[in-house]
C-alpha atoms as a PDB file:
ATOM      1  CA  MET A   1     -86.674 -29.963  12.514  1.00  0.00           C
ATOM      2  CA  ARG A   2     -85.127 -30.781  15.872  1.00  0.00           C
ATOM      3  CA  PHE A   3     -82.118 -32.357  14.080  1.00  0.00           C
ATOM      4  CA  ILE A   4     -81.619 -29.270  11.925  1.00  0.00           C
ATOM      5  CA  PHE A   5     -81.786 -27.030  14.980  1.00  0.00           C
ATOM      6  CA  PHE A   6     -79.097 -29.009  16.831  1.00  0.00           C
ATOM      7  CA  SER A   7     -76.879 -29.023  13.720  1.00  0.00           C
ATOM      8  CA  ILE A   8     -77.050 -25.249  13.430  1.00  0.00           C
ATOM      9  CA  LEU A   9     -76.273 -24.927  17.150  1.00  0.00           C
ATOM     10  CA  ILE A  10     -73.148 -27.143  16.870  1.00  0.00           C
ATOM     11  CA  ILE A  11     -71.841 -25.236  13.835  1.00  0.00           C
ATOM     12  CA  ALA A  12     -72.368 -21.909  15.605  1.00  0.00           C
ATOM     13  CA  SER A  13     -70.519 -23.151  18.712  1.00  0.00           C
ATOM     14  CA  PHE A  14     -67.573 -24.429  16.606  1.00  0.00           C
ATOM     15  CA  THR A  15     -67.351 -21.135  14.742  1.00  0.00           C
ATOM     16  CA  ALA A  16     -67.356 -19.202  17.998  1.00  0.00           C
ATOM     17  CA  CYS A  17     -64.521 -21.367  19.381  1.00  0.00           C
ATOM     18  CA  ASN A  18     -62.419 -20.837  16.274  1.00  0.00           C
ATOM     19  CA  HIS A  19     -63.018 -17.115  16.408  1.00  0.00           C
ATOM     20  CA  LYS A  20     -61.980 -17.076  20.055  1.00  0.00           C
ATOM     21  CA  GLN A  21     -58.799 -19.060  19.247  1.00  0.00           C
ATOM     22  CA  ASN A  22     -57.901 -16.684  16.418  1.00  0.00           C
ATOM     23  CA  ASN A  23     -58.335 -13.740  18.748  1.00  0.00           C
ATOM     24  CA  GLN A  24     -56.010 -15.386  21.251  1.00  0.00           C
ATOM     25  CA  ASP A  25     -53.363 -15.922  18.533  1.00  0.00           C
ATOM     26  CA  ASP A  26     -53.647 -12.313  17.471  1.00  0.00           C
ATOM     27  CA  VAL A  27     -52.862 -11.046  20.977  1.00  0.00           C
ATOM     28  CA  THR A  28     -49.962 -13.474  21.650  1.00  0.00           C
ATOM     29  CA  PRO A  29     -46.772 -11.355  22.217  1.00  0.00           C
ATOM     30  CA  ARG A  30     -44.279 -11.611  19.360  1.00  0.00           C
ATOM     31  CA  SER A  31     -40.699 -10.378  19.198  1.00  0.00           C
ATOM     32  CA  THR A  32     -39.866  -8.073  16.328  1.00  0.00           C
ATOM     33  CA  VAL A  33     -36.866  -9.501  14.500  1.00  0.00           C
ATOM     34  CA  SER A  34     -34.786  -9.108  11.372  1.00  0.00           C
ATOM     35  CA  VAL A  35     -33.217 -11.921   9.439  1.00  0.00           C
ATOM     36  CA  THR A  36     -30.118 -12.613   7.384  1.00  0.00           C
ATOM     37  CA  THR A  37     -28.698 -15.434   5.287  1.00  0.00           C
ATOM     38  CA  VAL A  38     -25.325 -17.173   5.376  1.00  0.00           C
ATOM     39  CA  GLN A  39     -22.341 -15.876   3.436  1.00  0.00           C
ATOM     40  CA  THR A  40     -19.721 -18.008   1.722  1.00  0.00           C
ATOM     41  CA  GLY A  41     -16.174 -16.739   1.404  1.00  0.00           C
ATOM     42  CA  ILE A  42     -12.642 -16.812   2.762  1.00  0.00           C
ATOM     43  CA  MET A  43     -12.118 -17.010   6.496  1.00  0.00           C
ATOM     44  CA  VAL A  44      -8.573 -16.507   7.747  1.00  0.00           C
ATOM     45  CA  HIS A  45      -7.108 -16.619  11.230  1.00  0.00           C
ATOM     46  CA  SER A  46      -3.622 -15.347  11.976  1.00  0.00           C
ATOM     47  CA  GLU A  47      -1.343 -15.050  14.977  1.00  0.00           C
ATOM     48  CA  GLN A  48       0.565 -11.834  15.663  1.00  0.00           C
ATOM     49  CA  LEU A  49       4.242 -12.285  16.425  1.00  0.00           C
ATOM     50  CA  SER A  50       6.990  -9.866  17.357  1.00  0.00           C
ATOM     51  CA  ALA A  51       9.456  -9.012  14.556  1.00  0.00           C
ATOM     52  CA  THR A  52      12.756  -7.168  15.024  1.00  0.00           C
ATOM     53  CA  ALA A  53      14.509  -5.337  12.173  1.00  0.00           C
ATOM     54  CA  GLN A  54      18.114  -6.372  11.534  1.00  0.00           C
ATOM     55  CA  TYR A  55      20.714  -5.557   8.887  1.00  0.00           C
ATOM     56  CA  LEU A  56      22.876  -8.560   8.147  1.00  0.00           C
ATOM     57  CA  ARG A  57      25.614  -6.607   6.340  1.00  0.00           C
ATOM     58  CA  HIS A  58      27.366  -3.740   8.095  1.00  0.00           C
ATOM     59  CA  ASN A  59      30.605  -1.931   7.487  1.00  0.00           C
ATOM     60  CA  THR A  60      32.405   0.124  10.098  1.00  0.00           C
ATOM     61  CA  VAL A  61      34.379   2.921   8.480  1.00  0.00           C
ATOM     62  CA  THR A  62      37.612   3.497  10.396  1.00  0.00           C
ATOM     63  CA  ALA A  63      40.321   6.137  10.325  1.00  0.00           C
ATOM     64  CA  PRO A  64      43.233   5.052   8.095  1.00  0.00           C
ATOM     65  CA  VAL A  65      45.634   7.229  10.083  1.00  0.00           C
ATOM     66  CA  ALA A  66      45.682   9.006  13.397  1.00  0.00           C
ATOM     67  CA  GLY A  67      44.514  12.576  13.012  1.00  0.00           C
ATOM     68  CA  TYR A  68      41.862  15.195  13.508  1.00  0.00           C
ATOM     69  CA  VAL A  69      38.431  15.339  11.881  1.00  0.00           C
ATOM     70  CA  HIS A  70      38.768  18.145   9.340  1.00  0.00           C
ATOM     71  CA  PHE A  71      35.464  17.813   7.428  1.00  0.00           C
ATOM     72  CA  VAL A  72      32.355  15.695   7.950  1.00  0.00           C
ATOM     73  CA  LYS A  73      30.349  15.186   4.764  1.00  0.00           C
ATOM     74  CA  ILE A  74      27.521  12.985   6.109  1.00  0.00           C
ATOM     75  CA  ASN A  75      24.728  12.938   8.670  1.00  0.00           C
ATOM     76  CA  PHE A  76      22.967  10.168  10.533  1.00  0.00           C
ATOM     77  CA  ASN A  77      20.520   8.204   8.324  1.00  0.00           C
ATOM     78  CA  ASP A  78      22.035   9.594   5.111  1.00  0.00           C
ATOM     79  CA  ARG A  79      22.046   7.282   2.105  1.00  0.00           C
ATOM     80  CA  VAL A  80      25.491   6.992   0.604  1.00  0.00           C
ATOM     81  CA  THR A  81      26.928   5.300  -2.454  1.00  0.00           C
ATOM     82  CA  LYS A  82      30.148   3.361  -2.753  1.00  0.00           C
ATOM     83  CA  GLY A  83      33.083   5.730  -3.259  1.00  0.00           C
ATOM     84  CA  GLN A  84      31.277   8.771  -1.842  1.00  0.00           C
ATOM     85  CA  LEU A  85      33.409  11.141   0.276  1.00  0.00           C
ATOM     86  CA  LEU A  86      32.554  10.780   3.954  1.00  0.00           C
ATOM     87  CA  TYR A  87      35.345  12.451   5.951  1.00  0.00           C
ATOM     88  CA  THR A  88      38.509  14.414   5.544  1.00  0.00           C
ATOM     89  CA  LEU A  89      41.117  13.874   8.256  1.00  0.00           C
ATOM     90  CA  GLU A  90      44.035  16.149   9.093  1.00  0.00           C
ATOM     91  CA  THR A  91      47.248  14.436  10.164  1.00  0.00           C
ATOM     92  CA  LYS A  92      49.123  15.404  13.317  1.00  0.00           C
ATOM     93  CA  GLU A  93      52.036  16.611  11.190  1.00  0.00           C
ATOM     94  CA  ARG A  94      49.870  19.060   9.234  1.00  0.00           C
ATOM     95  CA  LYS A  95      48.259  20.199  12.472  1.00  0.00           C
ATOM     96  CA  ALA A  96      51.701  20.827  13.976  1.00  0.00           C
ATOM     97  CA  LEU A  97      52.932  22.799  10.956  1.00  0.00           C
ATOM     98  CA  GLY A  98      49.890  25.052  11.040  1.00  0.00           C
ATOM     99  CA  ASN A  99      50.398  28.268   9.011  1.00  0.00           C
ATOM    100  CA  LEU A 100      54.007  27.347   8.228  1.00  0.00           C
ATOM    101  CA  ASN A 101      52.695  25.179   5.377  1.00  0.00           C
ATOM    102  CA  SER A 102      51.867  28.112   3.065  1.00  0.00           C
ATOM    103  CA  ASP A 103      53.104  26.614  -0.195  1.00  0.00           C
ATOM    104  CA  GLU A 104      50.081  26.574  -2.542  1.00  0.00           C
ATOM    105  CA  THR A 105      51.344  23.395  -4.153  1.00  0.00           C
ATOM    106  CA  ASN A 106      51.049  21.603  -0.840  1.00  0.00           C
ATOM    107  CA  GLN A 107      47.621  22.811   0.240  1.00  0.00           C
ATOM    108  CA  ASP A 108      46.377  19.222   0.470  1.00  0.00           C
ATOM    109  CA  TYR A 109      49.410  17.994   2.360  1.00  0.00           C
ATOM    110  CA  GLY A 110      48.319  15.993   5.401  1.00  0.00           C
ATOM    111  CA  LEU A 111      44.638  15.864   4.398  1.00  0.00           C
ATOM    112  CA  ILE A 112      43.342  12.309   4.110  1.00  0.00           C
ATOM    113  CA  ASN A 113      39.985  11.636   2.458  1.00  0.00           C
ATOM    114  CA  VAL A 114      37.850   8.726   3.645  1.00  0.00           C
ATOM    115  CA  TYR A 115      35.362   7.226   1.177  1.00  0.00           C
ATOM    116  CA  ALA A 116      32.353   4.918   1.553  1.00  0.00           C
ATOM    117  CA  PRO A 117      33.425   1.286   1.044  1.00  0.00           C
ATOM    118  CA  MET A 118      29.831   0.287   0.156  1.00  0.00           C
ATOM    119  CA  SER A 119      26.435   1.734  -0.628  1.00  0.00           C
ATOM    120  CA  GLY A 120      23.906   1.916   2.172  1.00  0.00           C
ATOM    121  CA  VAL A 121      22.613   4.021   5.031  1.00  0.00           C
ATOM    122  CA  VAL A 122      24.632   5.674   7.781  1.00  0.00           C
ATOM    123  CA  THR A 123      23.245   3.928  10.851  1.00  0.00           C
ATOM    124  CA  ALA A 124      25.806   5.179  13.383  1.00  0.00           C
ATOM    125  CA  ILE A 125      28.134   8.160  13.363  1.00  0.00           C
ATOM    126  CA  PRO A 126      30.304   8.238  16.488  1.00  0.00           C
ATOM    127  CA  GLN A 127      32.546  10.950  14.978  1.00  0.00           C
ATOM    128  CA  SER A 128      30.523  13.902  13.741  1.00  0.00           C
ATOM    129  CA  GLN A 129      32.389  16.895  15.184  1.00  0.00           C
ATOM    130  CA  THR A 130      35.293  18.624  13.466  1.00  0.00           C
ATOM    131  CA  GLY A 131      38.514  19.024  15.387  1.00  0.00           C
ATOM    132  CA  VAL A 132      38.126  15.749  17.282  1.00  0.00           C
ATOM    133  CA  PHE A 133      41.217  13.557  17.418  1.00  0.00           C
ATOM    134  CA  VAL A 134      40.760  10.011  16.129  1.00  0.00           C
ATOM    135  CA  ALA A 135      43.280   7.231  16.661  1.00  0.00           C
ATOM    136  CA  GLU A 136      44.328   5.074  13.741  1.00  0.00           C
ATOM    137  CA  GLY A 137      41.660   2.391  13.299  1.00  0.00           C
ATOM    138  CA  GLY A 138      39.123   4.390  15.308  1.00  0.00           C
ATOM    139  CA  ALA A 139      35.494   4.130  14.217  1.00  0.00           C
ATOM    140  CA  LEU A 140      34.160   7.029  12.166  1.00  0.00           C
ATOM    141  CA  CYS A 141      30.709   5.742  11.144  1.00  0.00           C
ATOM    142  CA  ASN A 142      28.720   2.600  10.387  1.00  0.00           C
ATOM    143  CA  ILE A 143      27.080   1.894   7.028  1.00  0.00           C
ATOM    144  CA  SER A 144      24.345  -0.724   6.681  1.00  0.00           C
ATOM    145  CA  ASP A 145      23.403  -2.360   3.393  1.00  0.00           C
ATOM    146  CA  ILE A 146      19.685  -1.659   2.863  1.00  0.00           C
ATOM    147  CA  SER A 147      19.266  -4.801   0.770  1.00  0.00           C
ATOM    148  CA  SER A 148      20.361  -6.921   3.738  1.00  0.00           C
ATOM    149  CA  LEU A 149      17.372  -5.917   5.893  1.00  0.00           C
ATOM    150  CA  TYR A 150      15.566  -8.821   7.547  1.00  0.00           C
ATOM    151  CA  PHE A 151      13.046  -9.174  10.335  1.00  0.00           C
ATOM    152  CA  GLN A 152      13.667 -11.839  12.922  1.00  0.00           C
ATOM    153  CA  LEU A 153      10.527 -13.688  14.029  1.00  0.00           C
ATOM    154  CA  ASN A 154      10.616 -15.893  17.102  1.00  0.00           C
ATOM    155  CA  ILE A 155       7.931 -18.397  16.137  1.00  0.00           C
ATOM    156  CA  PRO A 156       6.594 -20.685  18.884  1.00  0.00           C
ATOM    157  CA  TYR A 157       7.473 -24.290  18.193  1.00  0.00           C
ATOM    158  CA  GLU A 158       3.813 -25.349  17.921  1.00  0.00           C
ATOM    159  CA  TYR A 159       3.337 -22.817  15.086  1.00  0.00           C
ATOM    160  CA  SER A 160       6.350 -23.998  13.085  1.00  0.00           C
ATOM    161  CA  LYS A 161       4.100 -26.419  11.174  1.00  0.00           C
ATOM    162  CA  TYR A 162       2.323 -23.432   9.633  1.00  0.00           C
ATOM    163  CA  VAL A 163       5.487 -21.928   8.180  1.00  0.00           C
ATOM    164  CA  LYS A 164       5.507 -24.395   5.264  1.00  0.00           C
ATOM    165  CA  SER A 165       2.143 -23.065   4.071  1.00  0.00           C
ATOM    166  CA  ASN A 166       3.114 -19.439   4.711  1.00  0.00           C
ATOM    167  CA  THR A 167       5.595 -18.437   2.059  1.00  0.00           C
ATOM    168  CA  TYR A 168       4.809 -14.832   2.877  1.00  0.00           C
ATOM    169  CA  CYS A 169       3.717 -12.884   5.907  1.00  0.00           C
ATOM    170  CA  VAL A 170       2.702  -9.279   6.541  1.00  0.00           C
ATOM    171  CA  ILE A 171       4.965  -7.055   8.640  1.00  0.00           C
ATOM    172  CA  THR A 172       3.245  -4.113  10.335  1.00  0.00           C
ATOM    173  CA  LEU A 173       5.518  -1.263  11.423  1.00  0.00           C
ATOM    174  CA  PRO A 174       4.771   0.919  14.472  1.00  0.00           C
ATOM    175  CA  ASP A 175       3.287   3.590  12.152  1.00  0.00           C
ATOM    176  CA  ASN A 176       0.853   0.921  10.775  1.00  0.00           C
ATOM    177  CA  THR A 177       2.699   0.628   7.453  1.00  0.00           C
ATOM    178  CA  ASN A 178       2.258  -2.907   6.071  1.00  0.00           C
ATOM    179  CA  ILE A 179       5.061  -4.660   4.207  1.00  0.00           C
ATOM    180  CA  ASN A 180       4.973  -8.070   2.546  1.00  0.00           C
ATOM    181  CA  ALA A 181       7.854 -10.295   3.601  1.00  0.00           C
ATOM    182  CA  ARG A 182       9.082 -13.717   2.515  1.00  0.00           C
ATOM    183  CA  LEU A 183       9.714 -16.268   5.237  1.00  0.00           C
ATOM    184  CA  GLU A 184      13.033 -18.099   5.131  1.00  0.00           C
ATOM    185  CA  THR A 185      14.617 -20.962   7.025  1.00  0.00           C
ATOM    186  CA  PRO A 186      15.684 -20.613  10.655  1.00  0.00           C
ATOM    187  CA  ILE A 187      18.945 -18.757  11.193  1.00  0.00           C
ATOM    188  CA  ILE A 188      19.993 -20.456  14.407  1.00  0.00           C
ATOM    189  CA  GLN A 189      18.877 -23.322  16.584  1.00  0.00           C
ATOM    190  CA  ALA A 190      15.713 -23.168  18.657  1.00  0.00           C
ATOM    191  CA  ASN A 191      15.603 -21.179  21.881  1.00  0.00           C
ATOM    192  CA  THR A 192      14.996 -23.913  24.431  1.00  0.00           C
ATOM    193  CA  GLY A 193      14.120 -21.430  27.161  1.00  0.00           C
ATOM    194  CA  LEU A 194      11.385 -19.666  25.201  1.00  0.00           C
ATOM    195  CA  GLN A 195      10.462 -22.737  23.112  1.00  0.00           C
ATOM    196  CA  THR A 196      10.671 -20.666  19.928  1.00  0.00           C
ATOM    197  CA  ILE A 197      12.407 -21.021  16.573  1.00  0.00           C
ATOM    198  CA  PRO A 198      13.919 -17.872  15.029  1.00  0.00           C
ATOM    199  CA  TYR A 199      12.933 -17.386  11.383  1.00  0.00           C
ATOM    200  CA  MET A 200      13.945 -14.612   9.031  1.00  0.00           C
ATOM    201  CA  ALA A 201      11.420 -12.596   7.015  1.00  0.00           C
ATOM    202  CA  LYS A 202      12.824 -10.792   3.965  1.00  0.00           C
ATOM    203  CA  PRO A 203      10.771  -7.594   3.367  1.00  0.00           C
ATOM    204  CA  GLU A 204       9.834  -6.663  -0.180  1.00  0.00           C
ATOM    205  CA  THR A 205      10.738  -2.999   0.085  1.00  0.00           C
ATOM    206  CA  ASN A 206      13.666  -0.650  -0.479  1.00  0.00           C
ATOM    207  CA  MET A 207      12.607   1.761   2.236  1.00  0.00           C
ATOM    208  CA  TYR A 208      14.979   2.409   5.096  1.00  0.00           C
ATOM    209  CA  ILE A 209      13.802   0.976   8.407  1.00  0.00           C
ATOM    210  CA  PRO A 210      15.830   1.737  11.548  1.00  0.00           C
ATOM    211  CA  GLU A 211      17.635  -1.282  12.912  1.00  0.00           C
ATOM    212  CA  SER A 212      16.203  -2.936  16.039  1.00  0.00           C
ATOM    213  CA  ILE A 213      12.763  -1.406  15.487  1.00  0.00           C
ATOM    214  CA  ILE A 214      10.083  -3.801  16.761  1.00  0.00           C
ATOM    215  CA  ALA A 215       7.181  -4.563  14.405  1.00  0.00           C
ATOM    216  CA  THR A 216       4.504  -7.249  14.306  1.00  0.00           C
ATOM    217  CA  ALA A 217       4.129 -10.109  11.838  1.00  0.00           C
ATOM    218  CA  LYS A 218       0.935 -11.954  10.974  1.00  0.00           C
ATOM    219  CA  LEU A 219       1.343 -15.704  10.554  1.00  0.00           C
ATOM    220  CA  ILE A 220      -1.689 -17.435   9.015  1.00  0.00           C
ATOM    221  CA  THR A 221      -2.657 -20.461  11.101  1.00  0.00           C
ATOM    222  CA  TYR A 222      -6.009 -21.216   9.447  1.00  0.00           C
ATOM    223  CA  LYS A 223      -7.603 -20.533   6.063  1.00  0.00           C
ATOM    224  CA  ASN A 224     -10.883 -21.775   4.592  1.00  0.00           C
ATOM    225  CA  SER A 225     -11.725 -20.516   1.110  1.00  0.00           C
ATOM    226  CA  ASP A 226     -15.305 -21.878   1.248  1.00  0.00           C
ATOM    227  CA  ALA A 227     -16.271 -20.925   4.768  1.00  0.00           C
ATOM    228  CA  ILE A 228     -19.954 -20.536   5.683  1.00  0.00           C
ATOM    229  CA  MET A 229     -20.290 -17.409   7.789  1.00  0.00           C
ATOM    230  CA  LEU A 230     -22.896 -15.456   9.733  1.00  0.00           C
ATOM    231  CA  PRO A 231     -22.779 -12.044  11.388  1.00  0.00           C
ATOM    232  CA  LYS A 232     -21.645 -12.303  15.002  1.00  0.00           C
ATOM    233  CA  ALA A 233     -24.980 -10.926  16.184  1.00  0.00           C
ATOM    234  CA  ALA A 234     -26.742 -13.975  14.735  1.00  0.00           C
ATOM    235  CA  VAL A 235     -24.836 -16.442  16.947  1.00  0.00           C
ATOM    236  CA  LEU A 236     -25.902 -16.810  20.590  1.00  0.00           C
ATOM    237  CA  SER A 237     -24.137 -18.611  23.426  1.00  0.00           C
ATOM    238  CA  ASP A 238     -24.441 -19.593  27.061  1.00  0.00           C
ATOM    239  CA  GLU A 239     -22.646 -17.726  29.830  1.00  0.00           C
ATOM    240  CA  LEU A 240     -19.594 -19.987  29.665  1.00  0.00           C
ATOM    241  CA  MET A 241     -19.276 -19.644  25.869  1.00  0.00           C
ATOM    242  CA  GLN A 242     -19.418 -23.435  25.563  1.00  0.00           C
ATOM    243  CA  ARG A 243     -22.689 -23.926  23.669  1.00  0.00           C
ATOM    244  CA  PHE A 244     -23.702 -21.934  20.615  1.00  0.00           C
ATOM    245  CA  TRP A 245     -26.920 -21.714  18.637  1.00  0.00           C
ATOM    246  CA  VAL A 246     -28.872 -19.623  16.152  1.00  0.00           C
ATOM    247  CA  MET A 247     -32.577 -18.918  15.784  1.00  0.00           C
ATOM    248  CA  LYS A 248     -33.777 -20.134  12.404  1.00  0.00           C
ATOM    249  CA  LEU A 249     -37.043 -18.974  10.845  1.00  0.00           C
ATOM    250  CA  VAL A 250     -39.183 -21.972   9.822  1.00  0.00           C
ATOM    251  CA  ASN A 251     -42.194 -20.023   8.553  1.00  0.00           C
ATOM    252  CA  ASP A 252     -43.463 -16.482   8.511  1.00  0.00           C
ATOM    253  CA  SER A 253     -43.951 -16.316  12.258  1.00  0.00           C
ATOM    254  CA  MET A 254     -41.949 -19.000  14.087  1.00  0.00           C
ATOM    255  CA  ALA A 255     -38.239 -19.401  14.888  1.00  0.00           C
ATOM    256  CA  ILE A 256     -36.592 -22.503  16.253  1.00  0.00           C
ATOM    257  CA  LYS A 257     -33.354 -22.968  18.145  1.00  0.00           C
ATOM    258  CA  VAL A 258     -30.605 -24.674  16.103  1.00  0.00           C
ATOM    259  CA  PRO A 259     -27.331 -25.661  17.870  1.00  0.00           C
ATOM    260  CA  VAL A 260     -24.228 -24.810  15.844  1.00  0.00           C
ATOM    261  CA  THR A 261     -20.529 -25.585  15.896  1.00  0.00           C
ATOM    262  CA  THR A 262     -18.480 -22.452  15.326  1.00  0.00           C
ATOM    263  CA  GLY A 263     -15.041 -21.979  13.790  1.00  0.00           C
ATOM    264  CA  VAL A 264     -12.802 -18.927  13.663  1.00  0.00           C
ATOM    265  CA  GLN A 265     -14.048 -15.367  13.452  1.00  0.00           C
ATOM    266  CA  ASN A 266     -13.007 -11.911  12.360  1.00  0.00           C
ATOM    267  CA  ASP A 267     -14.234  -8.451  13.318  1.00  0.00           C
ATOM    268  CA  SER A 268     -17.757  -8.972  11.975  1.00  0.00           C
ATOM    269  CA  LEU A 269     -18.296 -12.590  10.922  1.00  0.00           C
ATOM    270  CA  ILE A 270     -18.101 -15.995  12.557  1.00  0.00           C
ATOM    271  CA  GLU A 271     -17.589 -19.297  10.754  1.00  0.00           C
ATOM    272  CA  ILE A 272     -20.303 -21.974  11.078  1.00  0.00           C
ATOM    273  CA  LYS A 273     -18.881 -25.500  10.876  1.00  0.00           C
ATOM    274  CA  LYS A 274     -22.120 -27.424  11.560  1.00  0.00           C
ATOM    275  CA  PRO A 275     -24.871 -27.705  10.444  1.00  0.00           C
ATOM    276  CA  ILE A 276     -24.608 -26.760   6.777  1.00  0.00           C
ATOM    277  CA  PHE A 277     -27.056 -23.934   6.144  1.00  0.00           C
ATOM    278  CA  SER A 278     -28.297 -23.108   2.649  1.00  0.00           C
ATOM    279  CA  ASN A 279     -28.602 -19.675   1.127  1.00  0.00           C
ATOM    280  CA  ASN A 280     -32.390 -19.934   1.528  1.00  0.00           C
ATOM    281  CA  ASP A 281     -32.265 -20.398   5.301  1.00  0.00           C
ATOM    282  CA  LYS A 282     -33.313 -17.271   7.195  1.00  0.00           C
ATOM    283  CA  ILE A 283     -31.413 -16.710  10.433  1.00  0.00           C
ATOM    284  CA  LEU A 284     -32.457 -14.134  13.032  1.00  0.00           C
ATOM    285  CA  VAL A 285     -29.865 -11.397  13.405  1.00  0.00           C
ATOM    286  CA  THR A 286     -31.717  -8.906  15.650  1.00  0.00           C
ATOM    287  CA  GLY A 287     -34.375  -9.535  18.278  1.00  0.00           C
ATOM    288  CA  ASN A 288     -33.015 -13.063  18.757  1.00  0.00           C
ATOM    289  CA  TYR A 289     -31.592 -12.653  22.252  1.00  0.00           C
ATOM    290  CA  GLY A 290     -33.514 -14.495  24.942  1.00  0.00           C
ATOM    291  CA  LEU A 291     -35.934 -16.233  22.582  1.00  0.00           C
ATOM    292  CA  SER A 292     -37.050 -19.720  23.490  1.00  0.00           C
ATOM    293  CA  ASP A 293     -37.340 -22.596  21.072  1.00  0.00           C
ATOM    294  CA  THR A 294     -40.364 -22.336  18.719  1.00  0.00           C
ATOM    295  CA  ALA A 295     -40.799 -18.650  19.515  1.00  0.00           C
ATOM    296  CA  LEU A 296     -43.412 -16.596  17.711  1.00  0.00           C
ATOM    297  CA  VAL A 297     -41.844 -13.625  15.937  1.00  0.00           C
ATOM    298  CA  LYS A 298     -42.722 -10.751  13.689  1.00  0.00           C
ATOM    299  CA  VAL A 299     -40.230 -10.213  10.879  1.00  0.00           C
ATOM    300  CA  LEU A 300     -39.396  -6.675   9.847  1.00  0.00           C
ATOM    301  CA  LYS A 301     -39.787  -6.186   6.136  1.00  0.00           C
END
């Protein structure tokens, strides 16, 4: 009987201890967290470079004779075609005769028409007022060939190795219009002062872009088509941004600290180089800040 009594007493004491331990676990503070999984996709990093619009083919229309501007048929930024009438000049002789030249058969005497030597856009028009005297050979307007538009990119020498893998780049105009452009070989030798190499980017557009306008070009310096990525909020770091880690859920209520090696990032995602997480791994994305290793957590459903 005495043995049975002591056995019951021991079992009761053990049960009470377990109940006490369970109560302690129930009151242990837990951080409320949410989790995410890794994504696999394309991660790209690009450098933004300055790009200046240039027209490689220009034609300055000049006065064939000395005279006065009689008619102006164009305006700045007008598109013209080859052979289109641009100006009519009045010779000094006609101007001197004035009303004495009343013969109807000679109404066009002393009037010289000037036509566009090429198709393009009027990019300068120094003579736009009638009655102005222009010397022989004086500039009337400039026409630029739209098809000769290029953007000059001054690419730093250390980035020149990326040009081979970048057949195309994206040109962004000041109004945020994006244009695809094809990179071509350098036009001149490297700028030793700036340590840059000037490349030409041929835009794939027929739109008129004012010469010397400054745009930006994106040059891809890194691309991984099978990148493993996490939301930025899932990746934590020290104050010096030298060590990075994530909090990984190992069961329903515990998260451990896992050091990671990061790659490039975009606006919302960051590439994880090491370790290789699987799609089944649950990574804390909220409530993870300040957690210690092997922290008890409560996962939001």
